[in-house]
Amino acid sequence: MILFPKWSNKVLPILLVNIFIVVVLSVVVVWYYFSPKNTDVGYAPKQPIAYSHKLHAGELNIDCRYCHFTVEKSAHAAIPPTQVCLNCHNLVKTDSPEIKKVIASFKENRPIEWAKVNLLPDYSYFDHSRHISAGVSCVSCHGRIDKMEVVFQSEPLSMSWCLDCHRNPAPFLRPAEFVTDLNWSTSDPVALGKKLIKEKGIYPREDCNTCHR
């Protein structure tokens, strides 16, 4: 008969405790460090043409809707076709190497392949027009685009982040005429938001089918 030393009785409990600790730590690490807040916020893909939102939306004060012209009436905010760029740049800075790329795109009937910055998964549904009409500003999801030389993802766009707004929309609402005014502010956004909720009957849903269809 083989006799094991008395201390060996503690091996299994210690092993199980260590396995439990490793599993818990692994879950915590994956949950935190691989969450959208850490993997997506700050994402700034290289674009085929160096376009400055800081210049166009900021210094020149071009309204977001001039380029993203479907944002008020469609679920998707349109990526502007080359012709929209040439409405100005057929005369402005035509000798710029970047503008020459735009002109070439138009002449060759070849769309500019802009890289999407804020990309939701296919199983998520988001309607831009619904949010714009409710008074949710572009800045709430996209940040201060008018200050970005290179556009980056400023918010996590995670399910919990979306639900935070749906559960308490008041701080994120503003009058419709100021939706694309990224510099707009008010002394008491919560009070104004609550007033708009009553006036417009804004009661965001929280059921799964709202976003997952």
Protein backbone atom coordinates (compact mmCIF):
# COMPACT_ATOMS: atom_id res chain seq x y z
CA MET A 1 0.00 0.00 0.00
CA ILE A 2 1.32 3.44 -1.01
CA LEU A 3 1.02 6.07 1.66
CA PHE A 4 1.01 9.76 0.67
CA PRO A 5 2.39 12.38 3.03
CA LYS A 6 -0.20 14.23 5.08
CA TRP A 7 0.44 17.56 3.32
CA SER A 8 -0.74 16.09 0.01
CA ASN A 9 -4.32 16.35 1.30
CA LYS A 10 -4.04 20.11 0.81
CA VAL A 11 -2.89 19.91 -2.79
CA LEU A 12 -6.33 19.51 -4.37
CA PRO A 13 -8.04 22.38 -2.46
CA ILE A 14 -5.10 24.69 -3.17
CA LEU A 15 -5.13 23.69 -6.83
CA LEU A 16 -8.87 24.33 -7.11
CA VAL A 17 -8.56 27.74 -5.42
CA ASN A 18 -5.77 28.76 -7.80
CA ILE A 19 -7.75 27.60 -10.83
CA PHE A 20 -10.72 29.63 -9.60
CA ILE A 21 -8.54 32.74 -9.15
CA VAL A 22 -7.01 32.37 -12.63
CA VAL A 23 -10.45 31.94 -14.22
CA VAL A 24 -11.87 35.00 -12.42
CA LEU A 25 -8.86 37.15 -13.32
CA SER A 26 -9.07 36.03 -16.93
CA VAL A 27 -12.73 37.01 -17.11
CA VAL A 28 -12.00 40.41 -15.53
CA VAL A 29 -9.09 41.08 -17.89
CA VAL A 30 -11.09 40.14 -20.99
CA TRP A 31 -14.18 42.03 -19.78
CA TYR A 32 -12.24 45.24 -19.10
CA TYR A 33 -9.32 45.36 -21.50
CA PHE A 34 -11.19 43.89 -24.46
CA SER A 35 -14.30 46.03 -23.99
CA PRO A 36 -15.21 48.59 -26.68
CA LYS A 37 -13.96 51.35 -24.38
CA ASN A 38 -10.45 50.00 -24.66
CA THR A 39 -10.44 48.39 -28.10
CA ASP A 40 -12.37 50.98 -30.12
CA VAL A 41 -12.20 54.41 -28.44
CA GLY A 42 -9.45 56.36 -30.17
CA TYR A 43 -9.66 54.27 -33.34
CA ALA A 44 -8.60 56.54 -36.22
CA PRO A 45 -8.15 54.64 -39.50
CA LYS A 46 -5.98 56.09 -42.24
CA GLN A 47 -8.16 57.68 -44.90
CA PRO A 48 -7.48 57.68 -48.65
CA ILE A 49 -7.56 61.49 -48.64
CA ALA A 50 -6.41 63.75 -45.83
CA TYR A 51 -9.68 65.49 -44.95
CA SER A 52 -9.77 67.86 -41.98
CA HIS A 53 -13.06 68.09 -40.10
CA LYS A 54 -11.35 70.69 -37.91
CA LEU A 55 -11.03 72.93 -40.95
CA HIS A 56 -14.35 72.22 -42.67
CA ALA A 57 -16.73 71.74 -39.72
CA GLY A 58 -14.75 73.93 -37.33
CA GLU A 59 -13.07 76.91 -38.96
CA LEU A 60 -15.35 77.07 -42.01
CA ASN A 61 -18.42 76.12 -39.94
CA ILE A 62 -19.89 73.85 -42.62
CA ASP A 63 -23.02 72.15 -41.26
CA CYS A 64 -22.73 68.37 -40.81
CA ARG A 65 -25.80 67.91 -43.00
CA TYR A 66 -24.12 69.42 -46.05
CA CYS A 67 -22.00 66.31 -46.46
CA HIS A 68 -24.01 63.76 -44.46
CA PHE A 69 -27.23 64.83 -46.16
CA THR A 70 -29.41 61.81 -45.31
CA VAL A 71 -28.89 61.99 -41.55
CA GLU A 72 -32.30 63.60 -40.90
CA LYS A 73 -34.35 61.23 -43.06
CA SER A 74 -32.54 57.91 -43.09
CA ALA A 75 -31.14 55.36 -40.69
CA HIS A 76 -27.72 55.91 -42.23
CA ALA A 77 -25.75 59.14 -42.46
CA ALA A 78 -24.60 59.31 -46.07
CA ILE A 79 -20.95 59.31 -46.96
CA PRO A 80 -20.71 62.23 -49.39
CA PRO A 81 -20.13 61.35 -53.05
CA THR A 82 -17.19 62.97 -54.80
CA GLN A 83 -19.47 65.53 -56.44
CA VAL A 84 -20.26 67.06 -53.04
CA CYS A 85 -16.55 67.74 -52.50
CA LEU A 86 -16.25 69.28 -55.95
CA ASN A 87 -19.10 71.71 -55.30
CA CYS A 88 -16.36 73.76 -53.66
CA HIS A 89 -13.14 72.20 -54.84
CA ASN A 90 -13.72 72.55 -58.55
CA LEU A 91 -12.47 76.08 -57.86
CA VAL A 92 -10.83 75.94 -54.42
CA LYS A 93 -7.26 74.61 -53.98
CA THR A 94 -7.36 72.65 -57.22
CA ASP A 95 -3.56 72.46 -57.23
CA SER A 96 -3.50 70.56 -53.90
CA PRO A 97 -2.26 66.94 -54.19
CA GLU A 98 -5.21 65.79 -52.05
CA ILE A 99 -7.77 67.66 -54.16
CA LYS A 100 -6.23 66.17 -57.29
CA LYS A 101 -7.17 62.77 -55.87
CA VAL A 102 -10.76 63.96 -55.53
CA ILE A 103 -10.80 65.28 -59.09
CA ALA A 104 -9.35 62.00 -60.37
CA SER A 105 -12.06 60.09 -58.50
CA PHE A 106 -14.74 62.12 -60.27
CA LYS A 107 -13.20 61.90 -63.73
CA GLU A 108 -12.70 58.14 -63.43
CA ASN A 109 -16.17 57.62 -61.95
CA ARG A 110 -14.48 55.84 -59.07
CA PRO A 111 -15.82 56.46 -55.55
CA ILE A 112 -13.42 57.45 -52.80
CA GLU A 113 -13.09 54.49 -50.44
CA TRP A 114 -13.44 56.27 -47.12
CA ALA A 115 -12.67 54.09 -44.07
CA LYS A 116 -15.58 53.86 -41.63
CA VAL A 117 -14.67 55.14 -38.16
CA ASN A 118 -17.75 54.33 -36.07
CA LEU A 119 -18.66 50.79 -37.04
CA LEU A 120 -21.51 49.01 -35.28
CA PRO A 121 -21.78 45.22 -35.52
CA ASP A 122 -24.25 43.80 -38.04
CA TYR A 123 -26.58 42.61 -35.28
CA SER A 124 -27.11 46.17 -34.03
CA TYR A 125 -29.59 48.58 -35.58
CA PHE A 126 -29.22 52.33 -35.21
CA ASP A 127 -31.44 54.93 -36.84
CA HIS A 128 -29.79 58.34 -37.23
CA SER A 129 -33.02 60.09 -38.21
CA ARG A 130 -34.85 58.97 -35.05
CA HIS A 131 -32.11 60.34 -32.82
CA ILE A 132 -31.68 63.59 -34.76
CA SER A 133 -35.44 64.29 -34.69
CA ALA A 134 -35.49 63.61 -30.94
CA GLY A 135 -32.80 66.23 -30.39
CA VAL A 136 -29.72 64.07 -29.86
CA SER A 137 -26.76 66.01 -31.19
CA CYS A 138 -24.01 64.60 -33.39
CA VAL A 139 -21.58 65.49 -30.61
CA SER A 140 -23.19 63.00 -28.19
CA CYS A 141 -21.98 60.03 -30.22
CA HIS A 142 -19.19 61.42 -32.38
CA GLY A 143 -17.57 63.94 -30.05
CA ARG A 144 -16.22 67.33 -31.08
CA ILE A 145 -15.75 66.49 -34.74
CA ASP A 146 -15.17 70.20 -35.39
CA LYS A 147 -11.93 69.97 -33.41
CA MET A 148 -10.58 66.77 -34.99
CA GLU A 149 -7.88 67.08 -37.62
CA VAL A 150 -8.13 63.30 -37.94
CA VAL A 151 -11.49 61.81 -36.96
CA PHE A 152 -11.41 59.12 -34.28
CA GLN A 153 -14.02 57.15 -32.37
CA SER A 154 -14.68 59.13 -29.20
CA GLU A 155 -17.27 56.91 -27.51
CA PRO A 156 -17.40 53.13 -26.87
CA LEU A 157 -20.75 52.61 -28.68
CA SER A 158 -21.29 49.57 -26.48
CA MET A 159 -24.70 48.25 -25.45
CA SER A 160 -24.31 49.55 -21.90
CA TRP A 161 -23.29 52.97 -23.22
CA CYS A 162 -26.41 53.14 -25.42
CA LEU A 163 -28.65 51.98 -22.58
CA ASP A 164 -27.28 54.67 -20.27
CA CYS A 165 -28.72 57.26 -22.66
CA HIS A 166 -32.01 55.41 -23.22
CA ARG A 167 -32.55 55.15 -19.46
CA ASN A 168 -31.72 58.80 -18.83
CA PRO A 169 -31.99 60.78 -22.08
CA ALA A 170 -32.56 64.25 -20.56
CA PRO A 171 -28.88 65.35 -20.40
CA PHE A 172 -28.40 64.49 -24.10
CA LEU A 173 -31.36 66.35 -25.61
CA ARG A 174 -31.43 69.78 -27.16
CA PRO A 175 -33.74 71.81 -29.43
CA ALA A 176 -33.77 70.43 -32.99
CA GLU A 177 -32.28 73.62 -34.45
CA PHE A 178 -29.08 73.11 -32.44
CA VAL A 179 -28.53 69.42 -33.19
CA THR A 180 -25.62 70.07 -35.57
CA ASP A 181 -24.27 73.04 -33.60
CA LEU A 182 -21.41 71.19 -31.92
CA ASN A 183 -20.46 74.20 -29.80
CA TRP A 184 -23.95 74.69 -28.37
CA SER A 185 -24.47 74.55 -24.61
CA THR A 186 -27.06 75.50 -22.02
CA SER A 187 -26.85 76.33 -18.34
CA ASP A 188 -29.13 73.48 -17.26
CA PRO A 189 -29.18 70.65 -19.85
CA VAL A 190 -31.10 68.27 -17.58
CA ALA A 191 -33.98 70.70 -16.99
CA LEU A 192 -34.15 71.49 -20.70
CA GLY A 193 -34.00 67.78 -21.55
CA LYS A 194 -36.88 66.96 -19.22
CA LYS A 195 -38.92 69.75 -20.80
CA LEU A 196 -38.23 68.38 -24.29
CA ILE A 197 -39.13 64.85 -23.18
CA LYS A 198 -42.60 66.03 -22.15
CA GLU A 199 -43.10 68.21 -25.23
CA LYS A 200 -42.02 65.55 -27.74
CA GLY A 201 -43.09 62.45 -25.84
CA ILE A 202 -39.58 60.99 -25.86
CA TYR A 203 -39.54 57.70 -23.98
CA PRO A 204 -36.75 55.51 -25.40
CA ARG A 205 -37.36 51.77 -25.38
CA GLU A 206 -35.00 49.38 -23.63
CA ASP A 207 -36.20 46.02 -24.96
CA CYS A 208 -33.87 43.85 -27.07
CA ASN A 209 -35.88 44.35 -30.27
CA THR A 210 -35.15 48.08 -30.24
CA CYS A 211 -31.59 47.54 -31.41
CA HIS A 212 -31.41 43.84 -32.33
CA ARG A 213 -33.76 43.06 -35.23
